[in-house]
Amino acid sequence: MSGMSREEVESLIQEVLEV
């Protein structure tokens, strides 16, 4: 992953987990 910080990735993961 490039151009993505950990907070950005965690935000996407949280969106997927909250499905």
PDB file of N, CA and C in Angstrom:
ATOM      1  N   MET A   1       0.849  -1.191   0.000  1.00  0.00           N
ATOM      2  CA  MET A   1       0.000   0.000   0.000  1.00  0.00           C
ATOM      3  C   MET A   1       0.887   1.244   0.000  1.00  0.00           C
ATOM      4  N   SER A   2       0.680   2.110  -0.963  1.00  0.00           N
ATOM      5  CA  SER A   2       1.507   3.307  -0.967  1.00  0.00           C
ATOM      6  C   SER A   2       0.633   4.547  -1.028  1.00  0.00           C
ATOM      7  N   GLY A   3       1.010   5.574  -0.323  1.00  0.00           N
ATOM      8  CA  GLY A   3       0.193   6.792  -0.275  1.00  0.00           C
ATOM      9  C   GLY A   3      -0.966   6.624   0.689  1.00  0.00           C
ATOM     10  N   MET A   4      -0.859   5.627   1.565  1.00  0.00           N
ATOM     11  CA  MET A   4      -1.945   5.405   2.552  1.00  0.00           C
ATOM     12  C   MET A   4      -1.340   5.221   3.932  1.00  0.00           C
ATOM     13  N   SER A   5      -1.774   6.065   4.852  1.00  0.00           N
ATOM     14  CA  SER A   5      -1.230   5.902   6.210  1.00  0.00           C
ATOM     15  C   SER A   5      -2.044   4.872   6.982  1.00  0.00           C
ATOM     16  N   ARG A   6      -1.569   4.526   8.136  1.00  0.00           N
ATOM     17  CA  ARG A   6      -2.250   3.476   8.917  1.00  0.00           C
ATOM     18  C   ARG A   6      -3.680   3.932   9.248  1.00  0.00           C
ATOM     19  N   GLU A   7      -3.853   5.171   9.560  1.00  0.00           N
ATOM     20  CA  GLU A   7      -5.216   5.625   9.913  1.00  0.00           C
ATOM     21  C   GLU A   7      -6.144   5.492   8.708  1.00  0.00           C
ATOM     22  N   GLU A   8      -5.619   5.743   7.518  1.00  0.00           N
ATOM     23  CA  GLU A   8      -6.465   5.618   6.322  1.00  0.00           C
ATOM     24  C   GLU A   8      -6.871   4.164   6.125  1.00  0.00           C
ATOM     25  N   VAL A   9      -5.927   3.256   6.307  1.00  0.00           N
ATOM     26  CA  VAL A   9      -6.222   1.831   6.129  1.00  0.00           C
ATOM     27  C   VAL A   9      -7.198   1.363   7.207  1.00  0.00           C
ATOM     28  N   GLU A  10      -6.973   1.811   8.438  1.00  0.00           N
ATOM     29  CA  GLU A  10      -7.877   1.368   9.529  1.00  0.00           C
ATOM     30  C   GLU A  10      -9.283   1.889   9.278  1.00  0.00           C
ATOM     31  N   SER A  11      -9.385   3.080   8.686  1.00  0.00           N
ATOM     32  CA  SER A  11     -10.714   3.640   8.395  1.00  0.00           C
ATOM     33  C   SER A  11     -11.428   2.749   7.383  1.00  0.00           C
ATOM     34  N   LEU A  12     -10.694   2.309   6.363  1.00  0.00           N
ATOM     35  CA  LEU A  12     -11.309   1.442   5.353  1.00  0.00           C
ATOM     36  C   LEU A  12     -11.682   0.105   5.974  1.00  0.00           C
ATOM     37  N   ILE A  13     -10.826  -0.429   6.821  1.00  0.00           N
ATOM     38  CA  ILE A  13     -11.116  -1.720   7.465  1.00  0.00           C
ATOM     39  C   ILE A  13     -12.366  -1.587   8.332  1.00  0.00           C
ATOM     40  N   GLN A  14     -12.473  -0.486   9.063  1.00  0.00           N
ATOM     41  CA  GLN A  14     -13.646  -0.318   9.926  1.00  0.00           C
ATOM     42  C   GLN A  14     -14.911  -0.257   9.080  1.00  0.00           C
ATOM     43  N   GLU A  15     -14.824   0.361   7.927  1.00  0.00           N
ATOM     44  CA  GLU A  15     -16.012   0.434   7.060  1.00  0.00           C
ATOM     45  C   GLU A  15     -16.401  -0.957   6.590  1.00  0.00           C
ATOM     46  N   VAL A  16     -15.424  -1.790   6.310  1.00  0.00           N
ATOM     47  CA  VAL A  16     -15.721  -3.148   5.838  1.00  0.00           C
ATOM     48  C   VAL A  16     -16.258  -3.986   6.994  1.00  0.00           C
ATOM     49  N   LEU A  17     -15.692  -3.785   8.185  1.00  0.00           N
ATOM     50  CA  LEU A  17     -16.155  -4.568   9.343  1.00  0.00           C
ATOM     51  C   LEU A  17     -17.574  -4.160   9.711  1.00  0.00           C
ATOM     52  N   GLU A  18     -17.907  -2.894   9.490  1.00  0.00           N
ATOM     53  CA  GLU A  18     -19.262  -2.429   9.832  1.00  0.00           C
ATOM     54  C   GLU A  18     -20.143  -2.563   8.608  1.00  0.00           C
ATOM     55  N   VAL A  19     -20.354  -3.787   8.188  1.00  0.00           N
ATOM     56  CA  VAL A  19     -21.105  -4.010   6.950  1.00  0.00           C
ATOM     57  C   VAL A  19     -22.528  -4.448   7.257  1.00  0.00           C
TER      58      VAL A  19
END
